[in-house]
């Protein structure tokens, strides 16, 4: 177990995605920058709708679905749960970028890698 107060600064890892690297350190194993979590696959930009859970946020984004019968588009919303490392610390209302990673729990398969807009 690492003690946050007595340990040295953690080395920041390049995750291979062009995002802003967080300025603060964290001792989270499931952090792509300071832990050993690899990111791969799909990435989305969405808005944080809920940040009430510990280390977890709910991200929501709008998408358009084409309905051929009416030849029009319908606007729907998608939402997923994502891991929120302490070094990023996204709050409700923030626009964030999430990237797919290995399953962290039953519902968490994404991790927040950047706060695009507060």
PDB file of N, CA and C in Angstrom:
ATOM      1  N   UNK A   1       0.848  -1.188   0.000  1.00  0.00           N
ATOM      2  CA  UNK A   1       0.000   0.000   0.000  1.00  0.00           C
ATOM      3  C   UNK A   1       0.887   1.242   0.000  1.00  0.00           C
ATOM      4  N   UNK A   2       0.562   2.183  -0.828  1.00  0.00           N
ATOM      5  CA  UNK A   2       1.360   3.395  -0.951  1.00  0.00           C
ATOM      6  C   UNK A   2       0.756   4.485  -0.084  1.00  0.00           C
ATOM      7  N   UNK A   3       1.575   5.139   0.710  1.00  0.00           N
ATOM      8  CA  UNK A   3       1.125   6.244   1.528  1.00  0.00           C
ATOM      9  C   UNK A   3       1.256   7.524   0.706  1.00  0.00           C
ATOM     10  N   UNK A   4       0.149   8.254   0.550  1.00  0.00           N
ATOM     11  CA  UNK A   4       0.135   9.431  -0.317  1.00  0.00           C
ATOM     12  C   UNK A   4       1.041  10.549   0.177  1.00  0.00           C
ATOM     13  N   UNK A   5       1.195  10.706   1.484  1.00  0.00           N
ATOM     14  CA  UNK A   5       1.946  11.843   2.029  1.00  0.00           C
ATOM     15  C   UNK A   5       3.454  11.612   2.010  1.00  0.00           C
ATOM     16  N   UNK A   6       3.889  10.367   2.177  1.00  0.00           N
ATOM     17  CA  UNK A   6       5.317  10.115   2.295  1.00  0.00           C
ATOM     18  C   UNK A   6       5.958   9.648   0.994  1.00  0.00           C
ATOM     19  N   UNK A   7       5.175   9.306  -0.005  1.00  0.00           N
ATOM     20  CA  UNK A   7       5.762   8.787  -1.247  1.00  0.00           C
ATOM     21  C   UNK A   7       6.177   9.920  -2.173  1.00  0.00           C
ATOM     22  N   UNK A   8       7.010   9.579  -3.139  1.00  0.00           N
ATOM     23  CA  UNK A   8       7.493  10.549  -4.110  1.00  0.00           C
ATOM     24  C   UNK A   8       6.436  10.789  -5.175  1.00  0.00           C
ATOM     25  N   UNK A   9       6.703  11.759  -6.072  1.00  0.00           N
ATOM     26  CA  UNK A   9       5.789  12.008  -7.172  1.00  0.00           C
ATOM     27  C   UNK A   9       5.757  10.801  -8.098  1.00  0.00           C
ATOM     28  N   UNK A  10       4.589  10.474  -8.574  1.00  0.00           N
ATOM     29  CA  UNK A  10       4.444   9.354  -9.495  1.00  0.00           C
ATOM     30  C   UNK A  10       4.794   9.804 -10.900  1.00  0.00           C
ATOM     31  N   UNK A  11       5.359   8.908 -11.659  1.00  0.00           N
ATOM     32  CA  UNK A  11       5.714   9.207 -13.032  1.00  0.00           C
ATOM     33  C   UNK A  11       4.458   9.151 -13.903  1.00  0.00           C
ATOM     34  N   UNK A  12       4.282  10.134 -14.769  1.00  0.00           N
ATOM     35  CA  UNK A  12       3.135  10.179 -15.663  1.00  0.00           C
ATOM     36  C   UNK A  12       3.442   9.371 -16.914  1.00  0.00           C
ATOM     37  N   UNK A  13       2.501   8.515 -17.306  1.00  0.00           N
ATOM     38  CA  UNK A  13       2.669   7.635 -18.444  1.00  0.00           C
ATOM     39  C   UNK A  13       1.972   8.239 -19.659  1.00  0.00           C
ATOM     40  N   UNK A  14       2.589   8.130 -20.832  1.00  0.00           N
ATOM     41  CA  UNK A  14       1.958   8.547 -22.075  1.00  0.00           C
ATOM     42  C   UNK A  14       0.971   7.463 -22.488  1.00  0.00           C
ATOM     43  N   UNK A  15      -0.316   7.808 -22.627  1.00  0.00           N
ATOM     44  CA  UNK A  15      -1.331   6.802 -22.929  1.00  0.00           C
ATOM     45  C   UNK A  15      -1.535   6.608 -24.424  1.00  0.00           C
ATOM     46  N   UNK A  16      -0.851   7.370 -25.265  1.00  0.00           N
ATOM     47  CA  UNK A  16      -0.945   7.195 -26.701  1.00  0.00           C
ATOM     48  C   UNK A  16      -2.108   7.908 -27.346  1.00  0.00           C
ATOM     49  N   UNK A  17      -2.768   8.788 -26.606  1.00  0.00           N
ATOM     50  CA  UNK A  17      -3.895   9.547 -27.121  1.00  0.00           C
ATOM     51  C   UNK A  17      -3.582  11.024 -26.918  1.00  0.00           C
ATOM     52  N   UNK A  18      -3.814  11.877 -27.928  1.00  0.00           N
ATOM     53  CA  UNK A  18      -3.489  13.304 -27.761  1.00  0.00           C
ATOM     54  C   UNK A  18      -4.477  14.026 -26.841  1.00  0.00           C
ATOM     55  N   UNK A  19      -4.240  13.959 -25.530  1.00  0.00           N
ATOM     56  CA  UNK A  19      -5.066  14.637 -24.526  1.00  0.00           C
ATOM     57  C   UNK A  19      -4.155  15.417 -23.590  1.00  0.00           C
ATOM     58  N   UNK A  20      -4.746  16.350 -22.834  1.00  0.00           N
ATOM     59  CA  UNK A  20      -3.986  17.108 -21.846  1.00  0.00           C
ATOM     60  C   UNK A  20      -3.664  16.208 -20.659  1.00  0.00           C
ATOM     61  N   UNK A  21      -2.408  16.207 -20.255  1.00  0.00           N
ATOM     62  CA  UNK A  21      -1.977  15.397 -19.118  1.00  0.00           C
ATOM     63  C   UNK A  21      -2.344  16.142 -17.838  1.00  0.00           C
ATOM     64  N   UNK A  22      -2.949  15.457 -16.851  1.00  0.00           N
ATOM     65  CA  UNK A  22      -3.337  16.139 -15.611  1.00  0.00           C
ATOM     66  C   UNK A  22      -2.118  16.630 -14.833  1.00  0.00           C
ATOM     67  N   UNK A  23      -2.290  17.776 -14.169  1.00  0.00           N
ATOM     68  CA  UNK A  23      -1.191  18.391 -13.417  1.00  0.00           C
ATOM     69  C   UNK A  23      -1.012  17.775 -12.040  1.00  0.00           C
ATOM     70  N   UNK A  24      -2.084  17.250 -11.457  1.00  0.00           N
ATOM     71  CA  UNK A  24      -2.000  16.654 -10.127  1.00  0.00           C
ATOM     72  C   UNK A  24      -1.718  15.165 -10.220  1.00  0.00           C
ATOM     73  N   UNK A  25      -1.130  14.621  -9.156  1.00  0.00           N
ATOM     74  CA  UNK A  25      -0.839  13.189  -9.082  1.00  0.00           C
ATOM     75  C   UNK A  25      -1.980  12.468  -8.381  1.00  0.00           C
ATOM     76  N   UNK A  26      -2.098  11.187  -8.669  1.00  0.00           N
ATOM     77  CA  UNK A  26      -3.034  10.349  -7.927  1.00  0.00           C
ATOM     78  C   UNK A  26      -2.404   8.977  -7.745  1.00  0.00           C
ATOM     79  N   UNK A  27      -2.883   8.232  -6.780  1.00  0.00           N
ATOM     80  CA  UNK A  27      -2.348   6.912  -6.489  1.00  0.00           C
ATOM     81  C   UNK A  27      -3.395   5.850  -6.785  1.00  0.00           C
ATOM     82  N   UNK A  28      -4.126   6.065  -7.859  1.00  0.00           N
ATOM     83  CA  UNK A  28      -5.192   5.162  -8.281  1.00  0.00           C
ATOM     84  C   UNK A  28      -4.622   4.144  -9.267  1.00  0.00           C
ATOM     85  N   UNK A  29      -4.804   2.858  -8.991  1.00  0.00           N
ATOM     86  CA  UNK A  29      -4.304   1.823  -9.889  1.00  0.00           C
ATOM     87  C   UNK A  29      -5.042   1.859 -11.218  1.00  0.00           C
ATOM     88  N   UNK A  30      -6.311   2.273 -11.210  1.00  0.00           N
ATOM     89  CA  UNK A  30      -7.125   2.305 -12.412  1.00  0.00           C
ATOM     90  C   UNK A  30      -7.059   3.659 -13.119  1.00  0.00           C
ATOM     91  N   UNK A  31      -5.973   4.393 -12.953  1.00  0.00           N
ATOM     92  CA  UNK A  31      -5.761   5.662 -13.657  1.00  0.00           C
ATOM     93  C   UNK A  31      -4.868   5.375 -14.862  1.00  0.00           C
ATOM     94  N   UNK A  32      -5.255   5.837 -16.066  1.00  0.00           N
ATOM     95  CA  UNK A  32      -4.405   5.567 -17.229  1.00  0.00           C
ATOM     96  C   UNK A  32      -3.085   6.334 -17.207  1.00  0.00           C
ATOM     97  N   UNK A  33      -3.000   7.439 -16.474  1.00  0.00           N
ATOM     98  CA  UNK A  33      -1.792   8.263 -16.431  1.00  0.00           C
ATOM     99  C   UNK A  33      -0.831   7.842 -15.320  1.00  0.00           C
ATOM    100  N   UNK A  34      -1.344   7.464 -14.142  1.00  0.00           N
ATOM    101  CA  UNK A  34      -0.495   7.170 -12.987  1.00  0.00           C
ATOM    102  C   UNK A  34      -0.578   5.720 -12.527  1.00  0.00           C
ATOM    103  N   UNK A  35      -1.481   4.941 -13.104  1.00  0.00           N
ATOM    104  CA  UNK A  35      -1.632   3.541 -12.725  1.00  0.00           C
ATOM    105  C   UNK A  35      -1.180   2.632 -13.851  1.00  0.00           C
ATOM    106  N   UNK A  36      -1.796   1.463 -13.923  1.00  0.00           N
ATOM    107  CA  UNK A  36      -1.427   0.520 -14.974  1.00  0.00           C
ATOM    108  C   UNK A  36      -2.633   0.116 -15.806  1.00  0.00           C
ATOM    109  N   UNK A  37      -3.514   1.057 -16.108  1.00  0.00           N
ATOM    110  CA  UNK A  37      -4.697   0.801 -16.918  1.00  0.00           C
ATOM    111  C   UNK A  37      -4.427   1.226 -18.359  1.00  0.00           C
ATOM    112  N   UNK A  38      -4.582   0.303 -19.294  1.00  0.00           N
ATOM    113  CA  UNK A  38      -4.388   0.638 -20.701  1.00  0.00           C
ATOM    114  C   UNK A  38      -5.732   1.002 -21.323  1.00  0.00           C
ATOM    115  N   UNK A  39      -5.709   1.946 -22.257  1.00  0.00           N
ATOM    116  CA  UNK A  39      -6.918   2.381 -22.947  1.00  0.00           C
ATOM    117  C   UNK A  39      -6.847   1.934 -24.396  1.00  0.00           C
ATOM    118  N   UNK A  40      -8.004   1.577 -24.943  1.00  0.00           N
ATOM    119  CA  UNK A  40      -8.073   1.149 -26.334  1.00  0.00           C
ATOM    120  C   UNK A  40      -9.527   1.236 -26.765  1.00  0.00           C
ATOM    121  N   UNK A  41      -9.781   1.181 -28.041  1.00  0.00           N
ATOM    122  CA  UNK A  41     -11.149   1.100 -28.532  1.00  0.00           C
ATOM    123  C   UNK A  41     -11.799   2.450 -28.742  1.00  0.00           C
ATOM    124  N   UNK A  42     -13.083   2.507 -28.446  1.00  0.00           N
ATOM    125  CA  UNK A  42     -13.906   3.670 -28.760  1.00  0.00           C
ATOM    126  C   UNK A  42     -13.671   4.821 -27.790  1.00  0.00           C
ATOM    127  N   UNK A  43     -13.912   6.038 -28.282  1.00  0.00           N
ATOM    128  CA  UNK A  43     -13.839   7.222 -27.413  1.00  0.00           C
ATOM    129  C   UNK A  43     -15.024   8.115 -27.722  1.00  0.00           C
ATOM    130  N   UNK A  44     -15.529   8.784 -26.693  1.00  0.00           N
ATOM    131  CA  UNK A  44     -16.686   9.653 -26.828  1.00  0.00           C
ATOM    132  C   UNK A  44     -16.432  10.956 -26.080  1.00  0.00           C
ATOM    133  N   UNK A  45     -17.150  11.998 -26.480  1.00  0.00           N
ATOM    134  CA  UNK A  45     -17.162  13.261 -25.749  1.00  0.00           C
ATOM    135  C   UNK A  45     -18.596  13.478 -25.301  1.00  0.00           C
ATOM    136  N   UNK A  46     -18.783  13.686 -23.998  1.00  0.00           N
ATOM    137  CA  UNK A  46     -20.126  13.851 -23.461  1.00  0.00           C
ATOM    138  C   UNK A  46     -20.119  14.729 -22.222  1.00  0.00           C
ATOM    139  N   UNK A  47     -21.289  14.881 -21.644  1.00  0.00           N
ATOM    140  CA  UNK A  47     -21.478  15.726 -20.468  1.00  0.00           C
ATOM    141  C   UNK A  47     -21.678  14.847 -19.236  1.00  0.00           C
ATOM    142  N   UNK A  48     -21.080  15.242 -18.121  1.00  0.00           N
ATOM    143  CA  UNK A  48     -21.248  14.509 -16.864  1.00  0.00           C
ATOM    144  C   UNK A  48     -22.631  14.840 -16.304  1.00  0.00           C
ATOM    145  N   UNK A  49     -23.469  13.820 -16.175  1.00  0.00           N
ATOM    146  CA  UNK A  49     -24.821  14.017 -15.647  1.00  0.00           C
ATOM    147  C   UNK A  49     -24.900  13.732 -14.160  1.00  0.00           C
ATOM    148  N   UNK A  50     -24.055  12.825 -13.664  1.00  0.00           N
ATOM    149  CA  UNK A  50     -24.084  12.490 -12.249  1.00  0.00           C
ATOM    150  C   UNK A  50     -22.672  12.174 -11.782  1.00  0.00           C
ATOM    151  N   UNK A  51     -22.302  12.749 -10.642  1.00  0.00           N
ATOM    152  CA  UNK A  51     -20.996  12.473 -10.042  1.00  0.00           C
ATOM    153  C   UNK A  51     -21.177  12.104  -8.570  1.00  0.00           C
ATOM    154  N   UNK A  52     -22.278  11.448  -8.250  1.00  0.00           N
ATOM    155  CA  UNK A  52     -22.596  11.141  -6.861  1.00  0.00           C
ATOM    156  C   UNK A  52     -21.884   9.904  -6.337  1.00  0.00           C
ATOM    157  N   UNK A  53     -21.508   8.994  -7.231  1.00  0.00           N
ATOM    158  CA  UNK A  53     -20.821   7.780  -6.806  1.00  0.00           C
ATOM    159  C   UNK A  53     -19.341   8.065  -6.575  1.00  0.00           C
ATOM    160  N   UNK A  54     -18.709   7.217  -5.780  1.00  0.00           N
ATOM    161  CA  UNK A  54     -17.283   7.390  -5.502  1.00  0.00           C
ATOM    162  C   UNK A  54     -16.473   6.849  -6.675  1.00  0.00           C
ATOM    163  N   UNK A  55     -15.605   7.679  -7.259  1.00  0.00           N
ATOM    164  CA  UNK A  55     -14.732   7.345  -8.382  1.00  0.00           C
ATOM    165  C   UNK A  55     -15.486   6.972  -9.654  1.00  0.00           C
ATOM    166  N   UNK A  56     -16.762   7.322  -9.751  1.00  0.00           N
ATOM    167  CA  UNK A  56     -17.560   6.983 -10.927  1.00  0.00           C
ATOM    168  C   UNK A  56     -18.412   8.178 -11.326  1.00  0.00           C
ATOM    169  N   UNK A  57     -18.521   8.406 -12.634  1.00  0.00           N
ATOM    170  CA  UNK A  57     -19.407   9.441 -13.165  1.00  0.00           C
ATOM    171  C   UNK A  57     -20.270   8.821 -14.258  1.00  0.00           C
ATOM    172  N   UNK A  58     -21.447   9.414 -14.480  1.00  0.00           N
ATOM    173  CA  UNK A  58     -22.329   8.991 -15.562  1.00  0.00           C
ATOM    174  C   UNK A  58     -22.220  10.035 -16.664  1.00  0.00           C
ATOM    175  N   UNK A  59     -21.845   9.588 -17.859  1.00  0.00           N
ATOM    176  CA  UNK A  59     -21.648  10.471 -19.007  1.00  0.00           C
ATOM    177  C   UNK A  59     -22.815  10.286 -19.961  1.00  0.00           C
ATOM    178  N   UNK A  60     -23.308  11.400 -20.515  1.00  0.00           N
ATOM    179  CA  UNK A  60     -24.424  11.343 -21.456  1.00  0.00           C
ATOM    180  C   UNK A  60     -24.087  12.162 -22.692  1.00  0.00           C
ATOM    181  N   UNK A  61     -24.459  11.653 -23.872  1.00  0.00           N
ATOM    182  CA  UNK A  61     -24.283  12.406 -25.108  1.00  0.00           C
ATOM    183  C   UNK A  61     -25.463  12.129 -26.028  1.00  0.00           C
ATOM    184  N   UNK A  62     -25.721  13.088 -26.921  1.00  0.00           N
ATOM    185  CA  UNK A  62     -26.835  12.974 -27.852  1.00  0.00           C
ATOM    186  C   UNK A  62     -26.355  12.358 -29.160  1.00  0.00           C
ATOM    187  N   UNK A  63     -27.259  11.587 -29.798  1.00  0.00           N
ATOM    188  CA  UNK A  63     -26.964  11.013 -31.104  1.00  0.00           C
ATOM    189  C   UNK A  63     -28.235  11.045 -31.939  1.00  0.00           C
ATOM    190  N   UNK A  64     -28.094  10.993 -33.262  1.00  0.00           N
ATOM    191  CA  UNK A  64     -29.242  11.037 -34.149  1.00  0.00           C
ATOM    192  C   UNK A  64     -29.452   9.676 -34.791  1.00  0.00           C
ATOM    193  N   UNK A  65     -30.726   9.236 -34.808  1.00  0.00           N
ATOM    194  CA  UNK A  65     -31.101   7.961 -35.404  1.00  0.00           C
ATOM    195  C   UNK A  65     -32.039   8.249 -36.570  1.00  0.00           C
ATOM    196  N   UNK A  66     -31.743   7.656 -37.720  1.00  0.00           N
ATOM    197  CA  UNK A  66     -32.563   7.880 -38.903  1.00  0.00           C
ATOM    198  C   UNK A  66     -33.743   6.913 -38.909  1.00  0.00           C
ATOM    199  N   UNK A  67     -34.964   7.424 -39.127  1.00  0.00           N
ATOM    200  CA  UNK A  67     -36.167   6.612 -39.220  1.00  0.00           C
ATOM    201  C   UNK A  67     -36.607   6.638 -40.677  1.00  0.00           C
ATOM    202  N   UNK A  68     -36.455   5.498 -41.352  1.00  0.00           N
ATOM    203  CA  UNK A  68     -36.687   5.461 -42.794  1.00  0.00           C
ATOM    204  C   UNK A  68     -38.161   5.645 -43.159  1.00  0.00           C
ATOM    205  N   UNK A  69     -39.074   5.216 -42.303  1.00  0.00           N
ATOM    206  CA  UNK A  69     -40.497   5.354 -42.599  1.00  0.00           C
ATOM    207  C   UNK A  69     -40.900   6.815 -42.750  1.00  0.00           C
ATOM    208  N   UNK A  70     -40.383   7.664 -41.883  1.00  0.00           N
ATOM    209  CA  UNK A  70     -40.723   9.087 -41.907  1.00  0.00           C
ATOM    210  C   UNK A  70     -39.662   9.937 -42.590  1.00  0.00           C
ATOM    211  N   UNK A  71     -38.545   9.329 -42.984  1.00  0.00           N
ATOM    212  CA  UNK A  71     -37.431  10.019 -43.631  1.00  0.00           C
ATOM    213  C   UNK A  71     -36.957  11.219 -42.815  1.00  0.00           C
ATOM    214  N   UNK A  72     -36.840  10.994 -41.526  1.00  0.00           N
ATOM    215  CA  UNK A  72     -36.405  12.042 -40.616  1.00  0.00           C
ATOM    216  C   UNK A  72     -35.449  11.444 -39.584  1.00  0.00           C
ATOM    217  N   UNK A  73     -34.808  12.354 -38.849  1.00  0.00           N
ATOM    218  CA  UNK A  73     -33.897  11.939 -37.789  1.00  0.00           C
ATOM    219  C   UNK A  73     -34.549  12.146 -36.439  1.00  0.00           C
ATOM    220  N   UNK A  74     -34.301  11.209 -35.540  1.00  0.00           N
ATOM    221  CA  UNK A  74     -34.778  11.291 -34.172  1.00  0.00           C
ATOM    222  C   UNK A  74     -33.570  11.467 -33.263  1.00  0.00           C
ATOM    223  N   UNK A  75     -33.647  12.377 -32.316  1.00  0.00           N
ATOM    224  CA  UNK A  75     -32.529  12.610 -31.414  1.00  0.00           C
ATOM    225  C   UNK A  75     -32.704  11.759 -30.160  1.00  0.00           C
ATOM    226  N   UNK A  76     -31.712  10.907 -29.897  1.00  0.00           N
ATOM    227  CA  UNK A  76     -31.723  10.048 -28.710  1.00  0.00           C
ATOM    228  C   UNK A  76     -30.513  10.363 -27.846  1.00  0.00           C
ATOM    229  N   UNK A  77     -30.541   9.860 -26.613  1.00  0.00           N
ATOM    230  CA  UNK A  77     -29.430  10.057 -25.689  1.00  0.00           C
ATOM    231  C   UNK A  77     -28.846   8.706 -25.324  1.00  0.00           C
ATOM    232  N   UNK A  78     -27.532   8.659 -25.187  1.00  0.00           N
ATOM    233  CA  UNK A  78     -26.836   7.475 -24.701  1.00  0.00           C
ATOM    234  C   UNK A  78     -26.111   7.860 -23.428  1.00  0.00           C
ATOM    235  N   UNK A  79     -26.016   6.942 -22.489  1.00  0.00           N
ATOM    236  CA  UNK A  79     -25.244   7.225 -21.278  1.00  0.00           C
ATOM    237  C   UNK A  79     -24.519   5.970 -20.812  1.00  0.00           C
ATOM    238  N   UNK A  80     -23.327   6.186 -20.265  1.00  0.00           N
ATOM    239  CA  UNK A  80     -22.491   5.108 -19.740  1.00  0.00           C
ATOM    240  C   UNK A  80     -21.874   5.556 -18.421  1.00  0.00           C
ATOM    241  N   UNK A  81     -21.474   4.584 -17.621  1.00  0.00           N
ATOM    242  CA  UNK A  81     -20.721   4.859 -16.405  1.00  0.00           C
ATOM    243  C   UNK A  81     -19.242   4.807 -16.742  1.00  0.00           C
ATOM    244  N   UNK A  82     -18.473   5.712 -16.159  1.00  0.00           N
ATOM    245  CA  UNK A  82     -17.037   5.769 -16.428  1.00  0.00           C
ATOM    246  C   UNK A  82     -16.274   5.998 -15.134  1.00  0.00           C
ATOM    247  N   UNK A  83     -15.043   5.477 -15.087  1.00  0.00           N
ATOM    248  CA  UNK A  83     -14.174   5.679 -13.921  1.00  0.00           C
ATOM    249  C   UNK A  83     -13.638   7.105 -13.936  1.00  0.00           C
ATOM    250  N   UNK A  84     -13.639   7.748 -12.792  1.00  0.00           N
ATOM    251  CA  UNK A  84     -13.202   9.136 -12.652  1.00  0.00           C
ATOM    252  C   UNK A  84     -11.999   9.185 -11.706  1.00  0.00           C
ATOM    253  N   UNK A  85     -10.752   9.183 -12.241  1.00  0.00           N
ATOM    254  CA  UNK A  85      -9.580   9.234 -11.360  1.00  0.00           C
ATOM    255  C   UNK A  85      -9.506  10.554 -10.593  1.00  0.00           C
ATOM    256  N   UNK A  86      -8.823  10.532  -9.435  1.00  0.00           N
ATOM    257  CA  UNK A  86      -8.702  11.737  -8.610  1.00  0.00           C
ATOM    258  C   UNK A  86      -7.940  12.846  -9.304  1.00  0.00           C
ATOM    259  N   UNK A  87      -6.992  12.499 -10.169  1.00  0.00           N
ATOM    260  CA  UNK A  87      -6.199  13.530 -10.838  1.00  0.00           C
ATOM    261  C   UNK A  87      -7.027  14.303 -11.866  1.00  0.00           C
ATOM    262  N   UNK A  88      -8.118  13.736 -12.362  1.00  0.00           N
ATOM    263  CA  UNK A  88      -8.978  14.429 -13.324  1.00  0.00           C
ATOM    264  C   UNK A  88     -10.146  15.090 -12.611  1.00  0.00           C
ATOM    265  N   UNK A  89     -10.823  14.362 -11.720  1.00  0.00           N
ATOM    266  CA  UNK A  89     -11.863  14.890 -10.849  1.00  0.00           C
ATOM    267  C   UNK A  89     -12.934  15.674 -11.611  1.00  0.00           C
ATOM    268  N   UNK A  90     -13.645  15.018 -12.520  1.00  0.00           N
ATOM    269  CA  UNK A  90     -14.729  15.643 -13.273  1.00  0.00           C
ATOM    270  C   UNK A  90     -15.946  15.827 -12.378  1.00  0.00           C
ATOM    271  N   UNK A  91     -16.640  16.938 -12.560  1.00  0.00           N
ATOM    272  CA  UNK A  91     -17.820  17.263 -11.765  1.00  0.00           C
ATOM    273  C   UNK A  91     -19.041  17.357 -12.681  1.00  0.00           C
ATOM    274  N   UNK A  92     -20.227  17.437 -12.086  1.00  0.00           N
ATOM    275  CA  UNK A  92     -21.464  17.523 -12.873  1.00  0.00           C
ATOM    276  C   UNK A  92     -21.448  18.756 -13.765  1.00  0.00           C
ATOM    277  N   UNK A  93     -21.865  18.575 -15.021  1.00  0.00           N
ATOM    278  CA  UNK A  93     -21.920  19.674 -15.976  1.00  0.00           C
ATOM    279  C   UNK A  93     -20.672  19.818 -16.826  1.00  0.00           C
ATOM    280  N   UNK A  94     -19.580  19.158 -16.475  1.00  0.00           N
ATOM    281  CA  UNK A  94     -18.346  19.235 -17.262  1.00  0.00           C
ATOM    282  C   UNK A  94     -18.489  18.423 -18.551  1.00  0.00           C
ATOM    283  N   UNK A  95     -17.862  18.908 -19.615  1.00  0.00           N
ATOM    284  CA  UNK A  95     -17.762  18.150 -20.853  1.00  0.00           C
ATOM    285  C   UNK A  95     -16.442  17.396 -20.811  1.00  0.00           C
ATOM    286  N   UNK A  96     -16.503  16.075 -20.949  1.00  0.00           N
ATOM    287  CA  UNK A  96     -15.319  15.238 -20.780  1.00  0.00           C
ATOM    288  C   UNK A  96     -15.129  14.302 -21.970  1.00  0.00           C
ATOM    289  N   UNK A  97     -13.904  13.796 -22.111  1.00  0.00           N
ATOM    290  CA  UNK A  97     -13.596  12.769 -23.112  1.00  0.00           C
ATOM    291  C   UNK A  97     -13.362  11.460 -22.363  1.00  0.00           C
ATOM    292  N   UNK A  98     -14.048  10.399 -22.813  1.00  0.00           N
ATOM    293  CA  UNK A  98     -13.887   9.087 -22.210  1.00  0.00           C
ATOM    294  C   UNK A  98     -13.375   8.115 -23.268  1.00  0.00           C
ATOM    295  N   UNK A  99     -12.597   7.122 -22.825  1.00  0.00           N
ATOM    296  CA  UNK A  99     -12.036   6.115 -23.724  1.00  0.00           C
ATOM    297  C   UNK A  99     -12.291   4.741 -23.114  1.00  0.00           C
ATOM    298  N   UNK A 100     -12.523   3.777 -23.970  1.00  0.00           N
ATOM    299  CA  UNK A 100     -12.797   2.415 -23.546  1.00  0.00           C
ATOM    300  C   UNK A 100     -11.557   1.779 -22.923  1.00  0.00           C
ATOM    301  N   UNK A 101     -11.772   0.945 -21.927  1.00  0.00           N
ATOM    302  CA  UNK A 101     -10.686   0.217 -21.268  1.00  0.00           C
ATOM    303  C   UNK A 101     -11.212  -1.167 -20.903  1.00  0.00           C
ATOM    304  N   UNK A 102     -10.440  -1.932 -20.165  1.00  0.00           N
ATOM    305  CA  UNK A 102     -10.911  -3.240 -19.718  1.00  0.00           C
ATOM    306  C   UNK A 102     -12.058  -3.040 -18.717  1.00  0.00           C
ATOM    307  N   UNK A 103     -12.918  -4.043 -18.522  1.00  0.00           N
ATOM    308  CA  UNK A 103     -14.002  -3.889 -17.551  1.00  0.00           C
ATOM    309  C   UNK A 103     -13.462  -3.678 -16.131  1.00  0.00           C
ATOM    310  N   UNK A 104     -13.887  -2.581 -15.511  1.00  0.00           N
ATOM    311  CA  UNK A 104     -13.469  -2.274 -14.144  1.00  0.00           C
ATOM    312  C   UNK A 104     -14.493  -2.757 -13.128  1.00  0.00           C
ATOM    313  N   UNK A 105     -15.748  -2.882 -13.545  1.00  0.00           N
ATOM    314  CA  UNK A 105     -16.810  -3.425 -12.702  1.00  0.00           C
ATOM    315  C   UNK A 105     -17.925  -3.905 -13.631  1.00  0.00           C
ATOM    316  N   UNK A 106     -19.073  -4.181 -13.074  1.00  0.00           N
ATOM    317  CA  UNK A 106     -20.186  -4.680 -13.886  1.00  0.00           C
ATOM    318  C   UNK A 106     -20.618  -3.662 -14.940  1.00  0.00           C
ATOM    319  N   UNK A 107     -20.606  -2.379 -14.603  1.00  0.00           N
ATOM    320  CA  UNK A 107     -21.091  -1.349 -15.528  1.00  0.00           C
ATOM    321  C   UNK A 107     -19.999  -0.433 -16.062  1.00  0.00           C
ATOM    322  N   UNK A 108     -18.822  -0.401 -15.439  1.00  0.00           N
ATOM    323  CA  UNK A 108     -17.759   0.524 -15.860  1.00  0.00           C
ATOM    324  C   UNK A 108     -16.803  -0.140 -16.838  1.00  0.00           C
ATOM    325  N   UNK A 109     -16.830   0.373 -18.084  1.00  0.00           N
ATOM    326  CA  UNK A 109     -15.913  -0.106 -19.109  1.00  0.00           C
ATOM    327  C   UNK A 109     -15.225   1.053 -19.818  1.00  0.00           C
ATOM    328  N   UNK A 110     -15.369   2.252 -19.265  1.00  0.00           N
ATOM    329  CA  UNK A 110     -14.759   3.455 -19.810  1.00  0.00           C
ATOM    330  C   UNK A 110     -14.040   4.198 -18.690  1.00  0.00           C
ATOM    331  N   UNK A 111     -13.088   5.070 -19.070  1.00  0.00           N
ATOM    332  CA  UNK A 111     -12.363   5.887 -18.100  1.00  0.00           C
ATOM    333  C   UNK A 111     -12.293   7.307 -18.635  1.00  0.00           C
ATOM    334  N   UNK A 112     -12.438   8.287 -17.736  1.00  0.00           N
ATOM    335  CA  UNK A 112     -12.340   9.698 -18.112  1.00  0.00           C
ATOM    336  C   UNK A 112     -10.863  10.035 -18.283  1.00  0.00           C
ATOM    337  N   UNK A 113     -10.493  10.594 -19.443  1.00  0.00           N
ATOM    338  CA  UNK A 113      -9.088  10.932 -19.682  1.00  0.00           C
ATOM    339  C   UNK A 113      -8.836  12.428 -19.795  1.00  0.00           C
ATOM    340  N   UNK A 114      -9.901  13.233 -19.947  1.00  0.00           N
ATOM    341  CA  UNK A 114      -9.685  14.671 -20.115  1.00  0.00           C
ATOM    342  C   UNK A 114     -10.970  15.422 -19.849  1.00  0.00           C
ATOM    343  N   UNK A 115     -10.867  16.555 -19.158  1.00  0.00           N
ATOM    344  CA  UNK A 115     -11.981  17.486 -19.024  1.00  0.00           C
ATOM    345  C   UNK A 115     -11.825  18.500 -20.154  1.00  0.00           C
ATOM    346  N   UNK A 116     -12.731  18.449 -21.139  1.00  0.00           N
ATOM    347  CA  UNK A 116     -12.637  19.316 -22.312  1.00  0.00           C
ATOM    348  C   UNK A 116     -13.085  20.730 -21.965  1.00  0.00           C
ATOM    349  N   UNK A 117     -14.182  20.842 -21.198  1.00  0.00           N
ATOM    350  CA  UNK A 117     -14.750  22.150 -20.870  1.00  0.00           C
ATOM    351  C   UNK A 117     -15.443  22.059 -19.535  1.00  0.00           C
ATOM    352  N   UNK A 118     -15.260  23.093 -18.694  1.00  0.00           N
ATOM    353  CA  UNK A 118     -15.920  23.102 -17.384  1.00  0.00           C
ATOM    354  C   UNK A 118     -17.211  23.855 -17.442  1.00  0.00           C
TER     355      UNK A 118
END
